[in-house]
Amino acid sequence: GYDVIVPSSYMASILTKSGLVEPLDFDYLPNMQYALPTFVDPVYDPGTGGLRYTVPYMWGTTGYTVRTDKLADPITRWADLWDPRYEGQISMMADERECLAAALKLLGFSLNSTDPEEIAAAGDKLVEQKPLVTKYVITNSYRQIVEGGAPITHCWNGEVALAYGALGEGSEEIMRYVLPEEGFTVWSDTLVMPVGAKTRYGAHLFMDYLLRPEVAAENALWIGYLPTSQSALDTVAAESPVAEQIVPTEADLERGEVLNDVGEATTLYSDAWRRVVAE
């Protein structure tokens, strides 16, 4: 019954391949002209059969935040989250792809690997890490940052902005968001129209409204993530109190890798994650 839903990039790819979303008519999406080039022809929506299915909404990165008032060590790598010195000081996301991505990057592999041995090795690495982890957080990682009980919080960049909103002015001085040296996830959330949508025209109008740079900037400043047009991104960089932490530089992005659908290898990821949960 929904006209618009908001899947992450790799899920949008899966939905498209599964025939669960409708192709879009870009004649009714003129504000796509403002989208950054990487979102105009994204890897997760390659133009299947000459048709396109997604509109970019927000994007971000996955790293970890250190509460520097609780832990002063200048850690900068995924490997630091496997250091026994930090036992009981780490919270991880309860997210199959994100946790395995961290382990894959630590091991020097692609976070979209389809190699059974690499994925199994990443699962082994997470099992090795598990005794150091205080909890696996399903949602609202920013609360872990706010509470500071586990001063290292595996999270998306927007969680830093949400934590700032909860802690207030000056808190940017006690939080440090890390994009690990080994590499990290770059993700995007998309707007798609599911099969069965009853208001195709309305769906296109709403998507196009969200693509307006001024609207995208206001949304981004409210939710803490990054808009997909340059002018909106410039607004966030100028107005967000934690912009220096949550907006990656071009040099940072050279280490980033876009999270994408891994096809039949998805079962290998699920198997590896079940092993982590069961240990």
C-alpha atoms as a PDB file:
ATOM      1  CA  GLY A   1       0.000   0.000   0.000  1.00  0.00           C
ATOM      2  CA  TYR A   2       2.982   2.361   0.118  1.00  0.00           C
ATOM      3  CA  ASP A   3       3.838   4.668  -2.777  1.00  0.00           C
ATOM      4  CA  VAL A   4       7.453   5.329  -1.676  1.00  0.00           C
ATOM      5  CA  ILE A   5       9.835   3.271   0.466  1.00  0.00           C
ATOM      6  CA  VAL A   6      13.441   3.955   1.502  1.00  0.00           C
ATOM      7  CA  PRO A   7      15.776   0.952   1.154  1.00  0.00           C
ATOM      8  CA  SER A   8      19.539   1.158   1.446  1.00  0.00           C
ATOM      9  CA  SER A   9      21.483   0.796  -1.787  1.00  0.00           C
ATOM     10  CA  TYR A  10      22.169  -2.943  -1.730  1.00  0.00           C
ATOM     11  CA  MET A  11      18.580  -3.679  -0.712  1.00  0.00           C
ATOM     12  CA  ALA A  12      17.330  -1.504  -3.582  1.00  0.00           C
ATOM     13  CA  SER A  13      19.373  -3.694  -5.907  1.00  0.00           C
ATOM     14  CA  ILE A  14      17.825  -6.833  -4.438  1.00  0.00           C
ATOM     15  CA  LEU A  15      14.307  -5.386  -4.708  1.00  0.00           C
ATOM     16  CA  THR A  16      14.915  -4.481  -8.354  1.00  0.00           C
ATOM     17  CA  LYS A  17      16.238  -7.943  -9.231  1.00  0.00           C
ATOM     18  CA  SER A  18      13.264  -9.472  -7.419  1.00  0.00           C
ATOM     19  CA  GLY A  19      10.752  -7.467  -9.429  1.00  0.00           C
ATOM     20  CA  LEU A  20       9.365  -5.754  -6.330  1.00  0.00           C
ATOM     21  CA  VAL A  21       9.791  -2.132  -7.403  1.00  0.00           C
ATOM     22  CA  GLU A  22       8.531  -0.116 -10.354  1.00  0.00           C
ATOM     23  CA  PRO A  23      10.730   1.699 -12.895  1.00  0.00           C
ATOM     24  CA  LEU A  24      10.661   5.496 -12.577  1.00  0.00           C
ATOM     25  CA  ASP A  25       9.914   8.137 -15.193  1.00  0.00           C
ATOM     26  CA  PHE A  26      12.723  10.675 -14.903  1.00  0.00           C
ATOM     27  CA  ASP A  27      10.798  13.229 -16.931  1.00  0.00           C
ATOM     28  CA  TYR A  28       8.881  13.771 -13.696  1.00  0.00           C
ATOM     29  CA  LEU A  29      12.080  14.024 -11.626  1.00  0.00           C
ATOM     30  CA  PRO A  30      13.730  17.224 -12.916  1.00  0.00           C
ATOM     31  CA  ASN A  31      15.550  17.813  -9.629  1.00  0.00           C
ATOM     32  CA  MET A  32      17.789  14.834 -10.399  1.00  0.00           C
ATOM     33  CA  GLN A  33      19.831  17.516 -12.197  1.00  0.00           C
ATOM     34  CA  TYR A  34      21.199  18.477  -8.776  1.00  0.00           C
ATOM     35  CA  ALA A  35      22.375  14.979  -7.817  1.00  0.00           C
ATOM     36  CA  LEU A  36      26.100  14.358  -7.521  1.00  0.00           C
ATOM     37  CA  PRO A  37      27.470  12.256 -10.424  1.00  0.00           C
ATOM     38  CA  THR A  38      27.988   9.181  -8.256  1.00  0.00           C
ATOM     39  CA  PHE A  39      24.226   9.076  -7.611  1.00  0.00           C
ATOM     40  CA  VAL A  40      23.175   9.692 -11.208  1.00  0.00           C
ATOM     41  CA  ASP A  41      24.542   6.350 -12.409  1.00  0.00           C
ATOM     42  CA  PRO A  42      25.075   4.317  -9.228  1.00  0.00           C
ATOM     43  CA  VAL A  43      26.470   0.778  -9.147  1.00  0.00           C
ATOM     44  CA  TYR A  44      23.342  -0.454  -7.352  1.00  0.00           C
ATOM     45  CA  ASP A  45      20.991   0.799 -10.104  1.00  0.00           C
ATOM     46  CA  PRO A  46      22.814   0.189 -13.401  1.00  0.00           C
ATOM     47  CA  GLY A  47      19.840   0.722 -15.679  1.00  0.00           C
ATOM     48  CA  THR A  48      18.393  -2.791 -15.847  1.00  0.00           C
ATOM     49  CA  GLY A  49      16.837  -3.294 -19.261  1.00  0.00           C
ATOM     50  CA  GLY A  50      17.331   0.406 -19.939  1.00  0.00           C
ATOM     51  CA  LEU A  51      15.169   1.303 -16.928  1.00  0.00           C
ATOM     52  CA  ARG A  52      16.108   2.994 -13.649  1.00  0.00           C
ATOM     53  CA  TYR A  53      14.490   2.345 -10.299  1.00  0.00           C
ATOM     54  CA  THR A  54      16.044   4.564  -7.618  1.00  0.00           C
ATOM     55  CA  VAL A  55      16.323   8.185  -6.584  1.00  0.00           C
ATOM     56  CA  PRO A  56      19.079   9.094  -4.085  1.00  0.00           C
ATOM     57  CA  TYR A  57      17.929  10.309  -0.679  1.00  0.00           C
ATOM     58  CA  MET A  58      20.815  10.430   1.818  1.00  0.00           C
ATOM     59  CA  TRP A  59      24.261   8.890   2.091  1.00  0.00           C
ATOM     60  CA  GLY A  60      26.919   8.312   4.678  1.00  0.00           C
ATOM     61  CA  THR A  61      29.793   6.237   5.979  1.00  0.00           C
ATOM     62  CA  THR A  62      30.331   3.556   8.601  1.00  0.00           C
ATOM     63  CA  GLY A  63      33.154   3.815  11.096  1.00  0.00           C
ATOM     64  CA  TYR A  64      33.282   4.193  14.860  1.00  0.00           C
ATOM     65  CA  THR A  65      33.057   6.981  17.389  1.00  0.00           C
ATOM     66  CA  VAL A  66      35.375   7.338  20.362  1.00  0.00           C
ATOM     67  CA  ARG A  67      34.269   9.220  23.457  1.00  0.00           C
ATOM     68  CA  THR A  68      37.572  10.956  24.041  1.00  0.00           C
ATOM     69  CA  ASP A  69      36.620  11.963  27.581  1.00  0.00           C
ATOM     70  CA  LYS A  70      36.430   8.238  28.380  1.00  0.00           C
ATOM     71  CA  LEU A  71      39.259   6.942  26.195  1.00  0.00           C
ATOM     72  CA  ALA A  72      42.117   9.195  25.121  1.00  0.00           C
ATOM     73  CA  ASP A  73      43.991   6.628  22.994  1.00  0.00           C
ATOM     74  CA  PRO A  74      44.432   7.853  19.381  1.00  0.00           C
ATOM     75  CA  ILE A  75      43.007   4.719  17.758  1.00  0.00           C
ATOM     76  CA  THR A  76      42.481   4.888  13.981  1.00  0.00           C
ATOM     77  CA  ARG A  77      42.049   1.319  12.654  1.00  0.00           C
ATOM     78  CA  TRP A  78      39.559  -1.534  12.620  1.00  0.00           C
ATOM     79  CA  ALA A  79      42.385  -3.592  14.116  1.00  0.00           C
ATOM     80  CA  ASP A  80      42.117  -1.500  17.291  1.00  0.00           C
ATOM     81  CA  LEU A  81      38.631  -2.953  17.850  1.00  0.00           C
ATOM     82  CA  TRP A  82      40.271  -6.365  18.123  1.00  0.00           C
ATOM     83  CA  ASP A  83      42.846  -5.215  20.695  1.00  0.00           C
ATOM     84  CA  PRO A  84      42.359  -7.009  24.056  1.00  0.00           C
ATOM     85  CA  ARG A  85      43.195  -3.731  25.830  1.00  0.00           C
ATOM     86  CA  TYR A  86      39.705  -2.504  24.900  1.00  0.00           C
ATOM     87  CA  GLU A  87      37.771  -5.458  26.259  1.00  0.00           C
ATOM     88  CA  GLY A  88      34.425  -4.236  27.585  1.00  0.00           C
ATOM     89  CA  GLN A  89      34.806  -0.861  25.891  1.00  0.00           C
ATOM     90  CA  ILE A  90      33.348  -1.666  22.463  1.00  0.00           C
ATOM     91  CA  SER A  91      29.792  -1.763  21.137  1.00  0.00           C
ATOM     92  CA  MET A  92      29.159  -3.069  17.617  1.00  0.00           C
ATOM     93  CA  MET A  93      26.186  -2.711  15.314  1.00  0.00           C
ATOM     94  CA  ALA A  94      23.941  -5.792  15.204  1.00  0.00           C
ATOM     95  CA  ASP A  95      24.159  -5.632  11.431  1.00  0.00           C
ATOM     96  CA  GLU A  96      25.279  -8.603   9.384  1.00  0.00           C
ATOM     97  CA  ARG A  97      26.746  -6.706   6.452  1.00  0.00           C
ATOM     98  CA  GLU A  98      28.301  -3.887   8.485  1.00  0.00           C
ATOM     99  CA  CYS A  99      30.065  -6.115  11.001  1.00  0.00           C
ATOM    100  CA  LEU A 100      31.346  -8.441   8.307  1.00  0.00           C
ATOM    101  CA  ALA A 101      32.420  -5.398   6.285  1.00  0.00           C
ATOM    102  CA  ALA A 102      34.596  -4.252   9.192  1.00  0.00           C
ATOM    103  CA  ALA A 103      36.191  -7.691   9.470  1.00  0.00           C
ATOM    104  CA  LEU A 104      36.664  -8.011   5.701  1.00  0.00           C
ATOM    105  CA  LYS A 105      38.386  -4.626   5.545  1.00  0.00           C
ATOM    106  CA  LEU A 106      40.552  -5.536   8.523  1.00  0.00           C
ATOM    107  CA  LEU A 107      41.678  -8.633   6.594  1.00  0.00           C
ATOM    108  CA  GLY A 108      42.364  -6.633   3.441  1.00  0.00           C
ATOM    109  CA  PHE A 109      39.367  -7.869   1.435  1.00  0.00           C
ATOM    110  CA  SER A 110      36.503  -6.160  -0.360  1.00  0.00           C
ATOM    111  CA  LEU A 111      33.446  -5.606   1.820  1.00  0.00           C
ATOM    112  CA  ASN A 112      31.444  -6.945  -1.139  1.00  0.00           C
ATOM    113  CA  SER A 113      33.524 -10.116  -1.365  1.00  0.00           C
ATOM    114  CA  THR A 114      31.838 -13.208  -2.794  1.00  0.00           C
ATOM    115  CA  ASP A 115      34.768 -15.499  -1.966  1.00  0.00           C
ATOM    116  CA  PRO A 116      33.617 -18.202   0.505  1.00  0.00           C
ATOM    117  CA  GLU A 117      37.028 -18.393   2.191  1.00  0.00           C
ATOM    118  CA  GLU A 118      37.246 -14.623   2.688  1.00  0.00           C
ATOM    119  CA  ILE A 119      33.722 -14.411   4.105  1.00  0.00           C
ATOM    120  CA  ALA A 120      34.370 -17.368   6.427  1.00  0.00           C
ATOM    121  CA  ALA A 121      37.601 -15.734   7.587  1.00  0.00           C
ATOM    122  CA  ALA A 122      35.695 -12.530   8.359  1.00  0.00           C
ATOM    123  CA  GLY A 123      33.203 -14.569  10.405  1.00  0.00           C
ATOM    124  CA  ASP A 124      36.091 -16.162  12.296  1.00  0.00           C
ATOM    125  CA  LYS A 125      37.486 -12.702  12.984  1.00  0.00           C
ATOM    126  CA  LEU A 126      34.179 -11.518  14.459  1.00  0.00           C
ATOM    127  CA  VAL A 127      33.992 -14.626  16.656  1.00  0.00           C
ATOM    128  CA  GLU A 128      37.510 -13.760  17.838  1.00  0.00           C
ATOM    129  CA  GLN A 129      36.397 -10.211  18.656  1.00  0.00           C
ATOM    130  CA  LYS A 130      33.170 -11.137  20.426  1.00  0.00           C
ATOM    131  CA  PRO A 131      34.620 -11.469  23.978  1.00  0.00           C
ATOM    132  CA  LEU A 132      35.745  -7.835  23.747  1.00  0.00           C
ATOM    133  CA  VAL A 133      32.286  -6.523  22.809  1.00  0.00           C
ATOM    134  CA  THR A 134      29.868  -5.335  25.480  1.00  0.00           C
ATOM    135  CA  LYS A 135      26.813  -5.393  23.202  1.00  0.00           C
ATOM    136  CA  TYR A 136      25.583  -5.572  19.627  1.00  0.00           C
ATOM    137  CA  VAL A 137      23.229  -2.638  19.089  1.00  0.00           C
ATOM    138  CA  ILE A 138      20.215  -3.075  16.811  1.00  0.00           C
ATOM    139  CA  THR A 139      19.196   0.578  16.474  1.00  0.00           C
ATOM    140  CA  ASN A 140      20.042   4.030  17.822  1.00  0.00           C
ATOM    141  CA  SER A 141      23.792   3.653  18.178  1.00  0.00           C
ATOM    142  CA  TYR A 142      23.903   7.326  19.109  1.00  0.00           C
ATOM    143  CA  ARG A 143      22.570   6.392  22.547  1.00  0.00           C
ATOM    144  CA  GLN A 144      25.724   4.350  23.116  1.00  0.00           C
ATOM    145  CA  ILE A 145      27.783   7.421  22.233  1.00  0.00           C
ATOM    146  CA  VAL A 146      25.691   9.565  24.577  1.00  0.00           C
ATOM    147  CA  GLU A 147      25.901   7.111  27.463  1.00  0.00           C
ATOM    148  CA  GLY A 148      29.608   6.512  26.956  1.00  0.00           C
ATOM    149  CA  GLY A 149      29.546   3.233  28.876  1.00  0.00           C
ATOM    150  CA  ALA A 150      31.353   1.613  25.971  1.00  0.00           C
ATOM    151  CA  PRO A 151      33.495   4.476  24.716  1.00  0.00           C
ATOM    152  CA  ILE A 152      34.050   2.896  21.282  1.00  0.00           C
ATOM    153  CA  THR A 153      30.829   2.763  19.257  1.00  0.00           C
ATOM    154  CA  HIS A 154      30.618   1.153  15.823  1.00  0.00           C
ATOM    155  CA  CYS A 155      28.182   3.426  13.978  1.00  0.00           C
ATOM    156  CA  TRP A 156      27.124   5.462  10.966  1.00  0.00           C
ATOM    157  CA  ASN A 157      28.360   9.040  10.686  1.00  0.00           C
ATOM    158  CA  GLY A 158      24.910  10.509  11.323  1.00  0.00           C
ATOM    159  CA  GLU A 159      24.885   8.987  14.802  1.00  0.00           C
ATOM    160  CA  VAL A 160      27.508  11.587  15.736  1.00  0.00           C
ATOM    161  CA  ALA A 161      25.115  14.387  14.777  1.00  0.00           C
ATOM    162  CA  LEU A 162      22.284  12.746  16.717  1.00  0.00           C
ATOM    163  CA  ALA A 163      24.556  12.346  19.749  1.00  0.00           C
ATOM    164  CA  TYR A 164      25.447  16.037  19.514  1.00  0.00           C
ATOM    165  CA  GLY A 165      21.747  16.855  19.507  1.00  0.00           C
ATOM    166  CA  ALA A 166      21.281  14.835  22.688  1.00  0.00           C
ATOM    167  CA  LEU A 167      24.416  16.021  24.525  1.00  0.00           C
ATOM    168  CA  GLY A 168      24.336  19.658  23.435  1.00  0.00           C
ATOM    169  CA  GLU A 169      26.850  22.355  22.643  1.00  0.00           C
ATOM    170  CA  GLY A 170      30.463  21.483  23.360  1.00  0.00           C
ATOM    171  CA  SER A 171      29.939  17.746  22.998  1.00  0.00           C
ATOM    172  CA  GLU A 172      31.705  17.766  19.637  1.00  0.00           C
ATOM    173  CA  GLU A 173      34.894  18.165  21.680  1.00  0.00           C
ATOM    174  CA  ILE A 174      34.432  14.801  23.405  1.00  0.00           C
ATOM    175  CA  MET A 175      33.496  12.737  20.342  1.00  0.00           C
ATOM    176  CA  ARG A 176      35.828  11.629  17.553  1.00  0.00           C
ATOM    177  CA  TYR A 177      34.430   9.829  14.525  1.00  0.00           C
ATOM    178  CA  VAL A 178      36.963   7.498  12.908  1.00  0.00           C
ATOM    179  CA  LEU A 179      37.012   6.325   9.293  1.00  0.00           C
ATOM    180  CA  PRO A 180      39.411   3.390   9.708  1.00  0.00           C
ATOM    181  CA  GLU A 181      42.691   3.270   7.838  1.00  0.00           C
ATOM    182  CA  GLU A 182      41.928  -0.155   6.338  1.00  0.00           C
ATOM    183  CA  GLY A 183      38.836   1.182   4.538  1.00  0.00           C
ATOM    184  CA  PHE A 184      35.162   1.574   5.345  1.00  0.00           C
ATOM    185  CA  THR A 185      31.599   1.358   4.050  1.00  0.00           C
ATOM    186  CA  VAL A 186      30.064   4.100   1.957  1.00  0.00           C
ATOM    187  CA  TRP A 187      26.310   3.601   1.747  1.00  0.00           C
ATOM    188  CA  SER A 188      23.294   5.432   0.428  1.00  0.00           C
ATOM    189  CA  ASP A 189      19.595   5.331   1.153  1.00  0.00           C
ATOM    190  CA  THR A 190      17.323   5.445  -1.865  1.00  0.00           C
ATOM    191  CA  LEU A 191      13.735   6.283  -2.735  1.00  0.00           C
ATOM    192  CA  VAL A 192      11.884   3.624  -4.729  1.00  0.00           C
ATOM    193  CA  MET A 193       8.291   2.937  -5.716  1.00  0.00           C
ATOM    194  CA  PRO A 194       7.114  -0.570  -4.782  1.00  0.00           C
ATOM    195  CA  VAL A 195       4.976  -2.670  -7.067  1.00  0.00           C
ATOM    196  CA  GLY A 196       1.344  -1.956  -6.229  1.00  0.00           C
ATOM    197  CA  ALA A 197       1.847   1.751  -5.539  1.00  0.00           C
ATOM    198  CA  LYS A 198      -1.479   3.469  -6.072  1.00  0.00           C
ATOM    199  CA  THR A 199      -0.268   7.002  -6.784  1.00  0.00           C
ATOM    200  CA  ARG A 200       2.548   6.911  -9.338  1.00  0.00           C
ATOM    201  CA  TYR A 201       2.339  10.632 -10.067  1.00  0.00           C
ATOM    202  CA  GLY A 202       2.253  11.526  -6.381  1.00  0.00           C
ATOM    203  CA  ALA A 203       5.240   9.277  -5.709  1.00  0.00           C
ATOM    204  CA  HIS A 204       7.262  11.064  -8.387  1.00  0.00           C
ATOM    205  CA  LEU A 205       6.221  14.480  -7.053  1.00  0.00           C
ATOM    206  CA  PHE A 206       7.279  13.567  -3.527  1.00  0.00           C
ATOM    207  CA  MET A 207      10.620  12.139  -4.654  1.00  0.00           C
ATOM    208  CA  ASP A 208      11.292  15.252  -6.707  1.00  0.00           C
ATOM    209  CA  TYR A 209      10.422  17.450  -3.730  1.00  0.00           C
ATOM    210  CA  LEU A 210      12.961  15.626  -1.569  1.00  0.00           C
ATOM    211  CA  LEU A 211      15.586  16.184  -4.271  1.00  0.00           C
ATOM    212  CA  ARG A 212      15.274  19.990  -4.017  1.00  0.00           C
ATOM    213  CA  PRO A 213      18.637  21.156  -2.626  1.00  0.00           C
ATOM    214  CA  GLU A 214      17.077  23.412   0.015  1.00  0.00           C
ATOM    215  CA  VAL A 215      14.754  20.615   1.180  1.00  0.00           C
ATOM    216  CA  ALA A 216      17.545  18.029   1.147  1.00  0.00           C
ATOM    217  CA  ALA A 217      19.792  20.337   3.185  1.00  0.00           C
ATOM    218  CA  GLU A 218      17.112  20.930   5.811  1.00  0.00           C
ATOM    219  CA  ASN A 219      16.384  17.210   6.063  1.00  0.00           C
ATOM    220  CA  ALA A 220      20.089  16.398   6.362  1.00  0.00           C
ATOM    221  CA  LEU A 221      20.642  18.927   9.133  1.00  0.00           C
ATOM    222  CA  TRP A 222      17.673  17.435  10.989  1.00  0.00           C
ATOM    223  CA  ILE A 223      18.566  13.724  10.709  1.00  0.00           C
ATOM    224  CA  GLY A 224      22.363  14.012  10.673  1.00  0.00           C
ATOM    225  CA  TYR A 225      23.125  12.294   7.368  1.00  0.00           C
ATOM    226  CA  LEU A 226      24.398  13.703   4.089  1.00  0.00           C
ATOM    227  CA  PRO A 227      22.364  15.009   1.138  1.00  0.00           C
ATOM    228  CA  THR A 228      23.078  13.988  -2.438  1.00  0.00           C
ATOM    229  CA  SER A 229      23.461  17.377  -4.127  1.00  0.00           C
ATOM    230  CA  GLN A 230      26.570  19.552  -3.888  1.00  0.00           C
ATOM    231  CA  SER A 231      24.783  22.737  -2.820  1.00  0.00           C
ATOM    232  CA  ALA A 232      22.908  20.897  -0.052  1.00  0.00           C
ATOM    233  CA  LEU A 233      26.145  19.232   1.048  1.00  0.00           C
ATOM    234  CA  ASP A 234      27.827  22.647   1.153  1.00  0.00           C
ATOM    235  CA  THR A 235      25.019  23.869   3.441  1.00  0.00           C
ATOM    236  CA  VAL A 236      25.550  20.945   5.811  1.00  0.00           C
ATOM    237  CA  ALA A 237      29.314  21.517   5.796  1.00  0.00           C
ATOM    238  CA  ALA A 238      28.740  25.167   6.718  1.00  0.00           C
ATOM    239  CA  GLU A 239      25.983  24.757   9.310  1.00  0.00           C
ATOM    240  CA  SER A 240      26.383  21.397  11.071  1.00  0.00           C
ATOM    241  CA  PRO A 241      28.313  21.738  14.352  1.00  0.00           C
ATOM    242  CA  VAL A 242      29.915  18.337  13.704  1.00  0.00           C
ATOM    243  CA  ALA A 243      30.510  18.812   9.969  1.00  0.00           C
ATOM    244  CA  GLU A 244      34.257  18.254  10.276  1.00  0.00           C
ATOM    245  CA  GLN A 245      33.551  14.774  11.607  1.00  0.00           C
ATOM    246  CA  ILE A 246      30.587  13.606   9.541  1.00  0.00           C
ATOM    247  CA  VAL A 247      31.468  14.986   6.075  1.00  0.00           C
ATOM    248  CA  PRO A 248      34.278  12.872   4.602  1.00  0.00           C
ATOM    249  CA  THR A 249      36.999  14.504   2.536  1.00  0.00           C
ATOM    250  CA  GLU A 250      37.905  13.388  -0.980  1.00  0.00           C
ATOM    251  CA  ALA A 251      41.010  11.774   0.510  1.00  0.00           C
ATOM    252  CA  ASP A 252      38.845   9.880   3.002  1.00  0.00           C
ATOM    253  CA  LEU A 253      36.552   8.618   0.257  1.00  0.00           C
ATOM    254  CA  GLU A 254      39.481   7.066  -1.584  1.00  0.00           C
ATOM    255  CA  ARG A 255      39.426   4.421   1.189  1.00  0.00           C
ATOM    256  CA  GLY A 256      35.661   3.980   0.999  1.00  0.00           C
ATOM    257  CA  GLU A 257      33.779   1.201  -0.768  1.00  0.00           C
ATOM    258  CA  VAL A 258      30.097   1.272  -1.695  1.00  0.00           C
ATOM    259  CA  LEU A 259      28.028  -1.439  -0.031  1.00  0.00           C
ATOM    260  CA  ASN A 260      26.340  -3.445  -2.785  1.00  0.00           C
ATOM    261  CA  ASP A 261      24.296  -6.590  -3.331  1.00  0.00           C
ATOM    262  CA  VAL A 262      26.475  -9.716  -3.302  1.00  0.00           C
ATOM    263  CA  GLY A 263      23.956 -11.966  -5.019  1.00  0.00           C
ATOM    264  CA  GLU A 264      24.035 -15.636  -4.103  1.00  0.00           C
ATOM    265  CA  ALA A 265      26.908 -14.968  -1.678  1.00  0.00           C
ATOM    266  CA  THR A 266      24.311 -13.428   0.648  1.00  0.00           C
ATOM    267  CA  THR A 267      23.796 -16.904   2.130  1.00  0.00           C
ATOM    268  CA  LEU A 268      27.517 -17.056   2.962  1.00  0.00           C
ATOM    269  CA  TYR A 269      27.226 -13.765   4.869  1.00  0.00           C
ATOM    270  CA  SER A 270      24.170 -15.033   6.732  1.00  0.00           C
ATOM    271  CA  ASP A 271      25.935 -18.275   7.616  1.00  0.00           C
ATOM    272  CA  ALA A 272      28.987 -16.397   8.896  1.00  0.00           C
ATOM    273  CA  TRP A 273      26.834 -14.023  10.952  1.00  0.00           C
ATOM    274  CA  ARG A 274      24.805 -16.858  12.480  1.00  0.00           C
ATOM    275  CA  ARG A 275      28.064 -18.372  13.645  1.00  0.00           C
ATOM    276  CA  VAL A 276      29.014 -15.095  15.332  1.00  0.00           C
ATOM    277  CA  VAL A 277      25.639 -14.831  17.068  1.00  0.00           C
ATOM    278  CA  ALA A 278      25.692 -18.475  18.169  1.00  0.00           C
ATOM    279  CA  GLU A 279      29.195 -18.462  19.693  1.00  0.00           C
END
